[in-house]
Structures are given as structure tokens and as C-alpha cells.
Amino acid sequence: MTTANIVVPPVSFEEFVAKLPAKERGAVLRHEAACEEVDRAHAELWRRIVRRLATLSPHAVRAIGQHTLQFFIADGKYRRQVFALDDHRDSKLIVYSPDVLDLAIQAGVLAPAPEQAEPRAYAVPASKTTLYVEQLDSNNTPNPDASFKHMLGWNRRATRTTLLSSATPPQVEAAELIWTLAAKAWAPKT
């Protein structure tokens, strides 16, 4: 399986913001402004991730305070959470997504952990970097945070991907490909 045929160009940040309800729009714009004050590179990475997640899950976005965004898809007459983005402006962005880690390894997006001492570190092929991805389920995460608790349980599993503000382009691209692989489960079949 190649990942080239599943990459979708992201919506613009302005498009994303324009579609948000007033409460979410205010939270997003305040968070963006706060990120810009602290670190421009962090703000750019945050906007890139928001754009990608909004493209992959275009149904609805919910803000929890100024630090967390939840992304939903339509699920019949309901909605289902498929992504969460946590950013406490501490030079670290955390994205929760459906667990497709095995599929990402099969597709060559990631390679098994290069060091046994750090099982969450996966190699990014064609670069000398690693990406931190952790598998989560209701057994190893008994009290999940409100930002992603609806992504666990009922035989659902998630992954937590951690990107630093100083993430390299191959690390960010690998993370985006993982999220895109997850989105194939609900993308319209063509």
C-alpha cells in the first residue's frame, strides 16, 4: 500500500476558522495569538496540524478551553470523535487519533522502534529521526483525559502522537500520514 494516493490537501486556516461556531472561533483565535506570542515556529506547526485534522474530519470541531480541540465525523444522526489536539504551549503538541500504528508500519510510514529502551519511539524511514507514538486502550488508560476519553472503550483504541515545536519536516509528514491512514476508515469510497 502506498500513501501517495491518500494525501489530501488541507483546508486553509482562514476557511477552517470561518466555519467554526462563535465559541470555538474565539478559542481558536485566542490560542493562535497566544502561540504567536510565545514561539512563531510552534504557532505555524499548530496551524498546520489544525488544518490537516480539520480536512480529515470536516464534520465538527469542539474547543475545550483554549488548549484542546476535538474533531468529529458524522456517524448517522450522531457524531463521533476521531481526533483531539492538546497544546498547552509547552513546546509540545499531542494528537490523539484512531490506532492505525500497525497499518502505518506496514505502509512504511514508520519502522519499528529502533531502541528497546524507548518503545514509543518509531523510526521515520528515509530520515534519521524518530516519532513518539503510544498506543492507548481502556486497559492501559483507565482514567483518560476528557479531550480523548470518547475515543476509547467499546473495543476502540487510539494513539497519542507527540510532536515538539522543533519537529523536522519528515516527522511532521509521517504524523500527517498516520492521521490520513486513520481517516481512510471513514473517507467516502471512490
N, C-alpha and C. Protein backbone atom coordinates (compact mmCIF):
# COMPACT_ATOMS: atom_id res chain seq x y z
N MET A 1 0.84 -1.19 0.00
CA MET A 1 0.00 0.00 0.00
C MET A 1 0.88 1.24 0.00
N THR A 2 0.60 2.14 -0.89
CA THR A 2 1.34 3.39 -0.90
C THR A 2 0.51 4.46 -0.25
N THR A 3 1.19 5.42 0.32
CA THR A 3 0.47 6.50 0.99
C THR A 3 0.27 7.69 0.07
N ALA A 4 0.90 7.69 -1.10
CA ALA A 4 0.80 8.83 -2.00
C ALA A 4 -0.63 9.09 -2.44
N ASN A 5 -1.42 8.04 -2.62
CA ASN A 5 -2.78 8.23 -3.13
C ASN A 5 -3.79 8.60 -2.04
N ILE A 6 -3.37 8.76 -0.80
CA ILE A 6 -4.32 9.10 0.25
C ILE A 6 -4.08 10.47 0.86
N VAL A 7 -3.09 11.20 0.38
CA VAL A 7 -2.81 12.52 0.93
C VAL A 7 -3.80 13.52 0.34
N VAL A 8 -4.47 14.25 1.21
CA VAL A 8 -5.49 15.22 0.82
C VAL A 8 -4.95 16.61 1.14
N PRO A 9 -5.03 17.56 0.22
CA PRO A 9 -4.56 18.91 0.55
C PRO A 9 -5.42 19.52 1.66
N PRO A 10 -4.80 20.14 2.64
CA PRO A 10 -5.57 20.68 3.78
C PRO A 10 -6.35 21.94 3.41
N VAL A 11 -7.41 22.17 4.18
CA VAL A 11 -8.17 23.42 4.04
C VAL A 11 -7.28 24.56 4.53
N SER A 12 -7.59 25.76 4.12
CA SER A 12 -6.81 26.90 4.62
C SER A 12 -7.24 27.19 6.05
N PHE A 13 -6.37 27.82 6.80
CA PHE A 13 -6.69 28.14 8.19
C PHE A 13 -7.87 29.12 8.25
N GLU A 14 -7.90 30.06 7.32
CA GLU A 14 -8.99 31.05 7.28
C GLU A 14 -10.33 30.35 7.01
N GLU A 15 -10.34 29.38 6.09
CA GLU A 15 -11.55 28.60 5.79
C GLU A 15 -12.02 27.86 7.04
N PHE A 16 -11.06 27.23 7.72
CA PHE A 16 -11.37 26.48 8.93
C PHE A 16 -12.01 27.38 9.98
N VAL A 17 -11.40 28.53 10.23
CA VAL A 17 -11.89 29.45 11.25
C VAL A 17 -13.28 29.98 10.87
N ALA A 18 -13.48 30.28 9.60
CA ALA A 18 -14.75 30.84 9.16
C ALA A 18 -15.93 29.89 9.39
N LYS A 19 -15.68 28.59 9.36
CA LYS A 19 -16.75 27.60 9.52
C LYS A 19 -17.08 27.31 10.99
N LEU A 20 -16.26 27.79 11.91
CA LEU A 20 -16.46 27.47 13.32
C LEU A 20 -17.59 28.29 13.95
N PRO A 21 -18.30 27.69 14.91
CA PRO A 21 -19.25 28.48 15.70
C PRO A 21 -18.48 29.54 16.51
N ALA A 22 -19.18 30.55 16.97
CA ALA A 22 -18.54 31.69 17.65
C ALA A 22 -17.66 31.28 18.82
N LYS A 23 -18.14 30.37 19.68
CA LYS A 23 -17.36 29.96 20.86
C LYS A 23 -16.04 29.32 20.44
N GLU A 24 -16.10 28.39 19.49
CA GLU A 24 -14.90 27.71 19.04
C GLU A 24 -13.97 28.67 18.30
N ARG A 25 -14.56 29.56 17.49
CA ARG A 25 -13.75 30.52 16.74
C ARG A 25 -12.94 31.38 17.71
N GLY A 26 -13.58 31.86 18.77
CA GLY A 26 -12.88 32.68 19.76
C GLY A 26 -11.76 31.92 20.43
N ALA A 27 -12.01 30.67 20.82
CA ALA A 27 -10.98 29.86 21.48
C ALA A 27 -9.80 29.62 20.55
N VAL A 28 -10.08 29.31 19.29
CA VAL A 28 -9.02 29.04 18.32
C VAL A 28 -8.18 30.29 18.07
N LEU A 29 -8.83 31.41 17.87
CA LEU A 29 -8.09 32.64 17.59
C LEU A 29 -7.28 33.11 18.80
N ARG A 30 -7.83 32.95 20.02
CA ARG A 30 -7.06 33.31 21.22
C ARG A 30 -5.84 32.40 21.36
N HIS A 31 -6.03 31.11 21.09
CA HIS A 31 -4.91 30.17 21.21
C HIS A 31 -3.85 30.49 20.16
N GLU A 32 -4.27 30.77 18.95
CA GLU A 32 -3.31 31.12 17.90
C GLU A 32 -2.51 32.35 18.29
N ALA A 33 -3.18 33.38 18.82
CA ALA A 33 -2.48 34.61 19.23
C ALA A 33 -1.49 34.33 20.36
N ALA A 34 -1.90 33.50 21.32
CA ALA A 34 -1.01 33.16 22.44
C ALA A 34 0.21 32.38 21.94
N CYS A 35 0.00 31.48 20.98
CA CYS A 35 1.13 30.72 20.41
C CYS A 35 2.09 31.64 19.69
N GLU A 36 1.56 32.60 18.94
CA GLU A 36 2.39 33.55 18.21
C GLU A 36 3.27 34.36 19.16
N GLU A 37 2.73 34.71 20.32
CA GLU A 37 3.50 35.49 21.29
C GLU A 37 4.66 34.69 21.86
N VAL A 38 4.45 33.38 22.04
CA VAL A 38 5.46 32.54 22.67
C VAL A 38 6.52 32.08 21.67
N ASP A 39 6.07 31.51 20.53
CA ASP A 39 7.01 30.91 19.59
C ASP A 39 6.35 30.80 18.22
N ARG A 40 6.86 31.52 17.25
CA ARG A 40 6.28 31.53 15.90
C ARG A 40 6.33 30.14 15.27
N ALA A 41 7.41 29.37 15.46
CA ALA A 41 7.50 28.03 14.88
C ALA A 41 6.43 27.11 15.47
N HIS A 42 6.19 27.26 16.77
CA HIS A 42 5.15 26.47 17.42
C HIS A 42 3.78 26.83 16.84
N ALA A 43 3.51 28.10 16.64
CA ALA A 43 2.24 28.55 16.08
C ALA A 43 2.04 28.02 14.67
N GLU A 44 3.09 28.05 13.87
CA GLU A 44 2.99 27.53 12.49
C GLU A 44 2.71 26.03 12.49
N LEU A 45 3.37 25.28 13.35
CA LEU A 45 3.12 23.84 13.43
C LEU A 45 1.70 23.58 13.92
N TRP A 46 1.25 24.33 14.91
CA TRP A 46 -0.11 24.17 15.43
C TRP A 46 -1.14 24.41 14.33
N ARG A 47 -0.96 25.50 13.56
CA ARG A 47 -1.89 25.79 12.46
C ARG A 47 -1.88 24.68 11.42
N ARG A 48 -0.70 24.17 11.11
CA ARG A 48 -0.60 23.09 10.11
C ARG A 48 -1.37 21.86 10.58
N ILE A 49 -1.19 21.50 11.85
CA ILE A 49 -1.88 20.32 12.38
C ILE A 49 -3.39 20.55 12.41
N VAL A 50 -3.82 21.72 12.84
CA VAL A 50 -5.26 22.03 12.87
C VAL A 50 -5.84 21.91 11.47
N ARG A 51 -5.15 22.46 10.49
CA ARG A 51 -5.64 22.40 9.10
C ARG A 51 -5.76 20.95 8.63
N ARG A 52 -4.76 20.13 8.92
CA ARG A 52 -4.79 18.72 8.48
C ARG A 52 -5.93 17.97 9.16
N LEU A 53 -6.07 18.11 10.47
CA LEU A 53 -7.13 17.40 11.18
C LEU A 53 -8.51 17.87 10.75
N ALA A 54 -8.67 19.16 10.51
CA ALA A 54 -9.95 19.68 10.04
C ALA A 54 -10.29 19.16 8.65
N THR A 55 -9.29 18.94 7.83
CA THR A 55 -9.51 18.39 6.50
C THR A 55 -9.95 16.94 6.58
N LEU A 56 -9.33 16.18 7.47
CA LEU A 56 -9.62 14.76 7.59
C LEU A 56 -10.93 14.47 8.33
N SER A 57 -11.39 15.42 9.13
CA SER A 57 -12.63 15.24 9.90
C SER A 57 -13.45 16.52 9.82
N PRO A 58 -14.09 16.75 8.70
CA PRO A 58 -14.72 18.05 8.45
C PRO A 58 -16.08 18.28 9.10
N HIS A 59 -16.60 17.34 9.86
CA HIS A 59 -17.97 17.48 10.37
C HIS A 59 -18.10 18.57 11.43
N ALA A 60 -17.33 18.48 12.49
CA ALA A 60 -17.47 19.45 13.59
C ALA A 60 -16.19 19.52 14.39
N VAL A 61 -15.98 20.66 15.03
CA VAL A 61 -14.85 20.87 15.92
C VAL A 61 -15.40 21.44 17.22
N ARG A 62 -14.87 20.95 18.33
CA ARG A 62 -15.28 21.44 19.64
C ARG A 62 -14.03 21.86 20.41
N ALA A 63 -14.08 23.03 21.00
CA ALA A 63 -12.97 23.51 21.83
C ALA A 63 -13.26 23.19 23.28
N ILE A 64 -12.24 22.70 23.97
CA ILE A 64 -12.31 22.52 25.42
C ILE A 64 -11.31 23.50 26.00
N GLY A 65 -11.80 24.61 26.48
CA GLY A 65 -10.90 25.66 26.94
C GLY A 65 -10.12 26.21 25.76
N GLN A 66 -8.94 26.74 26.05
CA GLN A 66 -8.09 27.27 24.99
C GLN A 66 -7.01 26.28 24.57
N HIS A 67 -6.96 25.11 25.20
CA HIS A 67 -5.84 24.21 24.96
C HIS A 67 -6.16 22.99 24.13
N THR A 68 -7.43 22.64 23.99
CA THR A 68 -7.78 21.38 23.34
C THR A 68 -8.85 21.59 22.29
N LEU A 69 -8.64 20.92 21.14
CA LEU A 69 -9.65 20.87 20.09
C LEU A 69 -10.00 19.41 19.85
N GLN A 70 -11.29 19.13 19.75
CA GLN A 70 -11.77 17.80 19.40
C GLN A 70 -12.35 17.87 18.00
N PHE A 71 -12.07 16.86 17.18
CA PHE A 71 -12.52 16.81 15.79
C PHE A 71 -13.46 15.62 15.62
N PHE A 72 -14.57 15.85 14.91
CA PHE A 72 -15.61 14.83 14.78
C PHE A 72 -15.95 14.56 13.32
N ILE A 73 -16.50 13.36 13.10
CA ILE A 73 -17.08 13.00 11.81
C ILE A 73 -18.56 12.68 12.06
N ALA A 74 -19.34 12.69 11.00
CA ALA A 74 -20.75 12.31 11.12
C ALA A 74 -20.83 10.80 11.31
N ASP A 75 -21.72 10.38 12.20
CA ASP A 75 -21.92 8.96 12.48
C ASP A 75 -23.43 8.73 12.57
N GLY A 76 -24.06 8.60 11.39
CA GLY A 76 -25.51 8.54 11.36
C GLY A 76 -26.07 9.89 11.78
N LYS A 77 -27.01 9.89 12.71
CA LYS A 77 -27.54 11.17 13.19
C LYS A 77 -26.70 11.73 14.33
N TYR A 78 -25.65 11.04 14.70
CA TYR A 78 -24.76 11.48 15.78
C TYR A 78 -23.43 11.92 15.19
N ARG A 79 -22.51 12.20 16.06
CA ARG A 79 -21.14 12.50 15.63
C ARG A 79 -20.20 11.65 16.45
N ARG A 80 -19.03 11.36 15.87
CA ARG A 80 -18.05 10.52 16.55
C ARG A 80 -16.72 11.25 16.56
N GLN A 81 -16.11 11.31 17.74
CA GLN A 81 -14.80 11.96 17.85
C GLN A 81 -13.74 11.06 17.25
N VAL A 82 -12.89 11.65 16.39
CA VAL A 82 -11.83 10.88 15.75
C VAL A 82 -10.44 11.45 16.00
N PHE A 83 -10.35 12.71 16.39
CA PHE A 83 -9.05 13.32 16.70
C PHE A 83 -9.21 14.26 17.89
N ALA A 84 -8.11 14.48 18.58
CA ALA A 84 -8.02 15.52 19.60
C ALA A 84 -6.62 16.12 19.51
N LEU A 85 -6.54 17.40 19.69
CA LEU A 85 -5.26 18.12 19.67
C LEU A 85 -5.13 18.86 20.99
N ASP A 86 -4.11 18.49 21.76
CA ASP A 86 -3.81 19.16 23.02
C ASP A 86 -2.56 20.00 22.85
N ASP A 87 -2.64 21.25 23.25
CA ASP A 87 -1.48 22.14 23.18
C ASP A 87 -1.53 23.08 24.37
N HIS A 88 -0.62 22.88 25.28
CA HIS A 88 -0.52 23.74 26.47
C HIS A 88 0.60 24.77 26.32
N ARG A 89 1.00 24.99 25.07
CA ARG A 89 2.05 25.95 24.73
C ARG A 89 3.33 25.69 25.52
N ASP A 90 3.67 24.41 25.63
CA ASP A 90 4.89 24.00 26.31
C ASP A 90 5.88 23.37 25.33
N SER A 91 5.84 23.82 24.08
CA SER A 91 6.71 23.33 23.00
C SER A 91 6.42 21.88 22.63
N LYS A 92 5.21 21.41 22.94
CA LYS A 92 4.85 20.04 22.65
C LYS A 92 3.38 20.00 22.22
N LEU A 93 3.13 19.38 21.07
CA LEU A 93 1.77 19.20 20.58
C LEU A 93 1.44 17.71 20.65
N ILE A 94 0.26 17.38 21.19
CA ILE A 94 -0.13 15.99 21.32
C ILE A 94 -1.42 15.79 20.53
N VAL A 95 -1.39 14.79 19.64
CA VAL A 95 -2.56 14.48 18.83
C VAL A 95 -3.00 13.06 19.13
N TYR A 96 -4.28 12.91 19.42
CA TYR A 96 -4.89 11.61 19.64
C TYR A 96 -5.65 11.25 18.37
N SER A 97 -5.48 10.02 17.91
CA SER A 97 -6.14 9.58 16.69
C SER A 97 -6.48 8.10 16.81
N PRO A 98 -7.34 7.58 15.92
CA PRO A 98 -7.59 6.14 15.94
C PRO A 98 -6.29 5.36 15.76
N ASP A 99 -6.21 4.19 16.34
CA ASP A 99 -4.99 3.39 16.30
C ASP A 99 -4.82 2.70 14.95
N VAL A 100 -3.89 3.20 14.17
CA VAL A 100 -3.52 2.58 12.90
C VAL A 100 -2.00 2.36 12.86
N LEU A 101 -1.40 2.19 14.03
CA LEU A 101 0.05 2.07 14.11
C LEU A 101 0.56 0.88 13.30
N ASP A 102 -0.09 -0.28 13.43
CA ASP A 102 0.34 -1.45 12.65
C ASP A 102 0.24 -1.20 11.15
N LEU A 103 -0.83 -0.54 10.73
CA LEU A 103 -1.01 -0.21 9.32
C LEU A 103 0.07 0.78 8.85
N ALA A 104 0.43 1.73 9.70
CA ALA A 104 1.47 2.70 9.36
C ALA A 104 2.82 2.02 9.18
N ILE A 105 3.10 1.01 10.00
CA ILE A 105 4.35 0.26 9.87
C ILE A 105 4.32 -0.56 8.57
N GLN A 106 3.19 -1.21 8.29
CA GLN A 106 3.05 -1.98 7.05
C GLN A 106 3.20 -1.10 5.82
N ALA A 107 2.67 0.12 5.88
CA ALA A 107 2.73 1.04 4.75
C ALA A 107 4.10 1.71 4.60
N GLY A 108 4.98 1.52 5.57
CA GLY A 108 6.31 2.11 5.50
C GLY A 108 6.38 3.54 5.98
N VAL A 109 5.32 4.02 6.60
CA VAL A 109 5.33 5.38 7.16
C VAL A 109 6.26 5.42 8.36
N LEU A 110 6.23 4.37 9.18
CA LEU A 110 7.10 4.22 10.34
C LEU A 110 7.79 2.87 10.29
N ALA A 111 8.87 2.76 11.03
CA ALA A 111 9.56 1.49 11.20
C ALA A 111 9.54 1.16 12.70
N PRO A 112 9.66 -0.12 13.04
CA PRO A 112 9.63 -0.48 14.47
C PRO A 112 10.65 0.32 15.28
N ALA A 113 10.37 0.40 16.55
CA ALA A 113 11.20 1.18 17.46
C ALA A 113 12.67 0.79 17.33
N PRO A 114 13.55 1.77 17.08
CA PRO A 114 14.97 1.47 16.94
C PRO A 114 15.65 1.13 18.26
N GLU A 115 15.09 1.61 19.36
CA GLU A 115 15.68 1.36 20.67
C GLU A 115 14.66 0.63 21.55
N GLN A 116 15.09 -0.47 22.13
CA GLN A 116 14.19 -1.19 23.02
C GLN A 116 13.93 -0.41 24.30
N ALA A 117 14.84 0.49 24.67
CA ALA A 117 14.68 1.27 25.90
C ALA A 117 13.51 2.25 25.81
N GLU A 118 13.15 2.66 24.60
CA GLU A 118 12.05 3.60 24.40
C GLU A 118 11.08 3.03 23.37
N PRO A 119 10.13 2.20 23.81
CA PRO A 119 9.23 1.54 22.87
C PRO A 119 8.26 2.48 22.15
N ARG A 120 8.10 3.71 22.63
CA ARG A 120 7.20 4.67 21.96
C ARG A 120 7.87 5.36 20.79
N ALA A 121 9.18 5.22 20.64
CA ALA A 121 9.91 5.91 19.58
C ALA A 121 9.96 5.02 18.34
N TYR A 122 9.38 5.50 17.26
CA TYR A 122 9.38 4.76 16.00
C TYR A 122 10.25 5.52 15.00
N ALA A 123 10.98 4.77 14.20
CA ALA A 123 11.85 5.38 13.21
C ALA A 123 11.03 5.92 12.05
N VAL A 124 11.43 7.07 11.55
CA VAL A 124 10.83 7.64 10.35
C VAL A 124 11.76 7.27 9.20
N PRO A 125 11.34 6.36 8.30
CA PRO A 125 12.21 5.93 7.20
C PRO A 125 12.69 7.12 6.37
N ALA A 126 13.86 6.97 5.80
CA ALA A 126 14.49 7.98 4.95
C ALA A 126 14.92 9.23 5.73
N SER A 127 14.93 9.13 7.04
CA SER A 127 15.47 10.22 7.85
C SER A 127 16.05 9.59 9.11
N LYS A 128 16.86 10.30 9.78
CA LYS A 128 17.48 9.77 11.00
C LYS A 128 16.75 10.31 12.22
N THR A 129 15.43 10.33 12.15
CA THR A 129 14.63 10.85 13.25
C THR A 129 13.67 9.79 13.75
N THR A 130 13.08 10.08 14.89
CA THR A 130 12.06 9.19 15.45
C THR A 130 10.80 10.01 15.71
N LEU A 131 9.69 9.29 15.82
CA LEU A 131 8.41 9.89 16.13
C LEU A 131 7.85 9.14 17.32
N TYR A 132 7.36 9.87 18.31
CA TYR A 132 6.83 9.25 19.51
C TYR A 132 5.34 8.97 19.35
N VAL A 133 5.01 7.68 19.31
CA VAL A 133 3.62 7.24 19.15
C VAL A 133 3.35 6.19 20.22
N GLU A 134 2.27 6.38 20.95
CA GLU A 134 1.92 5.47 22.03
C GLU A 134 0.50 4.94 21.80
N GLN A 135 0.34 3.63 21.88
CA GLN A 135 -0.97 3.02 21.73
C GLN A 135 -1.74 3.09 23.04
N LEU A 136 -3.01 3.48 22.95
CA LEU A 136 -3.86 3.62 24.13
C LEU A 136 -5.11 2.77 23.96
N ASP A 137 -5.54 2.17 25.07
CA ASP A 137 -6.82 1.49 25.10
C ASP A 137 -7.40 1.64 26.50
N SER A 138 -8.56 1.09 26.73
CA SER A 138 -9.20 1.26 28.04
C SER A 138 -8.47 0.50 29.15
N ASN A 139 -7.62 -0.46 28.79
CA ASN A 139 -6.85 -1.20 29.80
C ASN A 139 -5.62 -0.43 30.28
N ASN A 140 -4.88 0.18 29.36
CA ASN A 140 -3.66 0.89 29.78
C ASN A 140 -3.92 2.37 30.05
N THR A 141 -5.16 2.82 29.87
CA THR A 141 -5.52 4.20 30.16
C THR A 141 -6.86 4.19 30.90
N PRO A 142 -6.85 3.81 32.19
CA PRO A 142 -8.12 3.66 32.91
C PRO A 142 -8.87 4.96 33.16
N ASN A 143 -8.19 6.08 33.27
CA ASN A 143 -8.83 7.38 33.51
C ASN A 143 -8.39 8.38 32.45
N PRO A 144 -8.89 8.23 31.22
CA PRO A 144 -8.44 9.12 30.16
C PRO A 144 -8.91 10.55 30.37
N ASP A 145 -8.14 11.47 29.86
CA ASP A 145 -8.47 12.88 29.91
C ASP A 145 -9.74 13.13 29.09
N ALA A 146 -10.48 14.16 29.45
CA ALA A 146 -11.72 14.48 28.75
C ALA A 146 -11.50 14.76 27.27
N SER A 147 -10.30 15.18 26.90
CA SER A 147 -10.04 15.52 25.50
C SER A 147 -10.13 14.32 24.57
N PHE A 148 -9.86 13.11 25.06
CA PHE A 148 -9.87 11.94 24.18
C PHE A 148 -10.62 10.74 24.75
N LYS A 149 -11.30 10.89 25.87
CA LYS A 149 -11.93 9.74 26.51
C LYS A 149 -12.98 9.06 25.63
N HIS A 150 -13.62 9.80 24.73
CA HIS A 150 -14.64 9.20 23.86
C HIS A 150 -14.02 8.41 22.70
N MET A 151 -12.71 8.41 22.61
CA MET A 151 -12.04 7.65 21.56
C MET A 151 -11.63 6.26 22.05
N LEU A 152 -11.86 5.99 23.32
CA LEU A 152 -11.51 4.69 23.91
C LEU A 152 -12.78 3.98 24.36
N GLY A 153 -12.65 2.70 24.62
CA GLY A 153 -13.79 1.90 25.07
C GLY A 153 -14.53 1.29 23.89
N TRP A 154 -15.42 0.38 24.17
CA TRP A 154 -16.19 -0.31 23.14
C TRP A 154 -15.28 -0.85 22.03
N ASN A 155 -14.18 -1.45 22.45
CA ASN A 155 -13.18 -2.04 21.55
C ASN A 155 -12.48 -1.01 20.66
N ARG A 156 -12.51 0.24 21.06
CA ARG A 156 -11.78 1.27 20.30
C ARG A 156 -10.44 1.52 20.96
N ARG A 157 -9.46 1.77 20.12
CA ARG A 157 -8.12 2.10 20.59
C ARG A 157 -7.68 3.38 19.90
N ALA A 158 -6.75 4.05 20.53
CA ALA A 158 -6.25 5.31 19.97
C ALA A 158 -4.73 5.32 20.06
N THR A 159 -4.14 6.29 19.40
CA THR A 159 -2.71 6.53 19.54
C THR A 159 -2.52 7.98 19.98
N ARG A 160 -1.43 8.17 20.71
CA ARG A 160 -1.03 9.51 21.13
C ARG A 160 0.29 9.80 20.42
N THR A 161 0.27 10.79 19.54
CA THR A 161 1.47 11.19 18.80
C THR A 161 1.95 12.51 19.38
N THR A 162 3.22 12.55 19.75
CA THR A 162 3.81 13.75 20.34
C THR A 162 4.77 14.38 19.35
N LEU A 163 4.53 15.64 19.05
CA LEU A 163 5.41 16.41 18.18
C LEU A 163 5.93 17.62 18.95
N LEU A 164 7.22 17.82 18.92
CA LEU A 164 7.80 19.01 19.54
C LEU A 164 7.72 20.17 18.56
N SER A 165 7.79 21.38 19.06
CA SER A 165 7.78 22.56 18.19
C SER A 165 8.93 22.52 17.20
N SER A 166 10.00 21.84 17.58
CA SER A 166 11.18 21.74 16.72
C SER A 166 11.13 20.51 15.82
N ALA A 167 9.96 19.92 15.63
CA ALA A 167 9.84 18.72 14.80
C ALA A 167 10.35 18.98 13.39
N THR A 168 11.02 17.98 12.85
CA THR A 168 11.55 18.09 11.49
C THR A 168 10.43 17.84 10.48
N PRO A 169 10.60 18.31 9.24
CA PRO A 169 9.58 18.04 8.22
C PRO A 169 9.26 16.54 8.06
N PRO A 170 10.26 15.63 8.06
CA PRO A 170 9.89 14.21 7.96
C PRO A 170 9.04 13.71 9.13
N GLN A 171 9.29 14.23 10.34
CA GLN A 171 8.48 13.83 11.48
C GLN A 171 7.03 14.30 11.32
N VAL A 172 6.85 15.54 10.91
CA VAL A 172 5.51 16.09 10.74
C VAL A 172 4.79 15.37 9.61
N GLU A 173 5.49 15.11 8.51
CA GLU A 173 4.87 14.41 7.38
C GLU A 173 4.47 12.99 7.77
N ALA A 174 5.30 12.31 8.54
CA ALA A 174 4.96 10.95 8.99
C ALA A 174 3.72 10.98 9.87
N ALA A 175 3.64 11.95 10.78
CA ALA A 175 2.47 12.07 11.64
C ALA A 175 1.22 12.33 10.81
N GLU A 176 1.32 13.23 9.84
CA GLU A 176 0.17 13.53 8.98
C GLU A 176 -0.27 12.29 8.20
N LEU A 177 0.68 11.48 7.76
CA LEU A 177 0.33 10.26 7.03
C LEU A 177 -0.38 9.26 7.94
N ILE A 178 0.02 9.19 9.19
CA ILE A 178 -0.66 8.31 10.15
C ILE A 178 -2.12 8.74 10.29
N TRP A 179 -2.34 10.03 10.47
CA TRP A 179 -3.71 10.53 10.63
C TRP A 179 -4.52 10.31 9.35
N THR A 180 -3.87 10.44 8.20
CA THR A 180 -4.54 10.22 6.93
C THR A 180 -4.92 8.75 6.76
N LEU A 181 -4.03 7.86 7.20
CA LEU A 181 -4.37 6.43 7.17
C LEU A 181 -5.59 6.15 8.03
N ALA A 182 -5.66 6.78 9.19
CA ALA A 182 -6.82 6.59 10.07
C ALA A 182 -8.09 7.09 9.39
N ALA A 183 -7.99 8.19 8.66
CA ALA A 183 -9.16 8.78 8.01
C ALA A 183 -9.69 7.93 6.86
N LYS A 184 -8.89 7.03 6.34
CA LYS A 184 -9.38 6.14 5.27
C LYS A 184 -10.57 5.32 5.73
N ALA A 185 -10.71 5.09 7.03
CA ALA A 185 -11.81 4.28 7.56
C ALA A 185 -13.16 4.96 7.35
N TRP A 186 -13.20 6.28 7.30
CA TRP A 186 -14.48 6.98 7.14
C TRP A 186 -14.55 7.82 5.88
N ALA A 187 -13.49 7.81 5.08
CA ALA A 187 -13.50 8.58 3.83
C ALA A 187 -14.46 7.95 2.84
N PRO A 188 -15.13 8.76 2.01
CA PRO A 188 -16.03 8.18 1.01
C PRO A 188 -15.25 7.29 0.05
N LYS A 189 -15.82 6.17 -0.28
CA LYS A 189 -15.18 5.24 -1.23
C LYS A 189 -15.39 5.75 -2.64
N THR A 190 -14.30 5.80 -3.42
CA THR A 190 -14.43 6.26 -4.81
C THR A 190 -14.14 5.15 -5.77
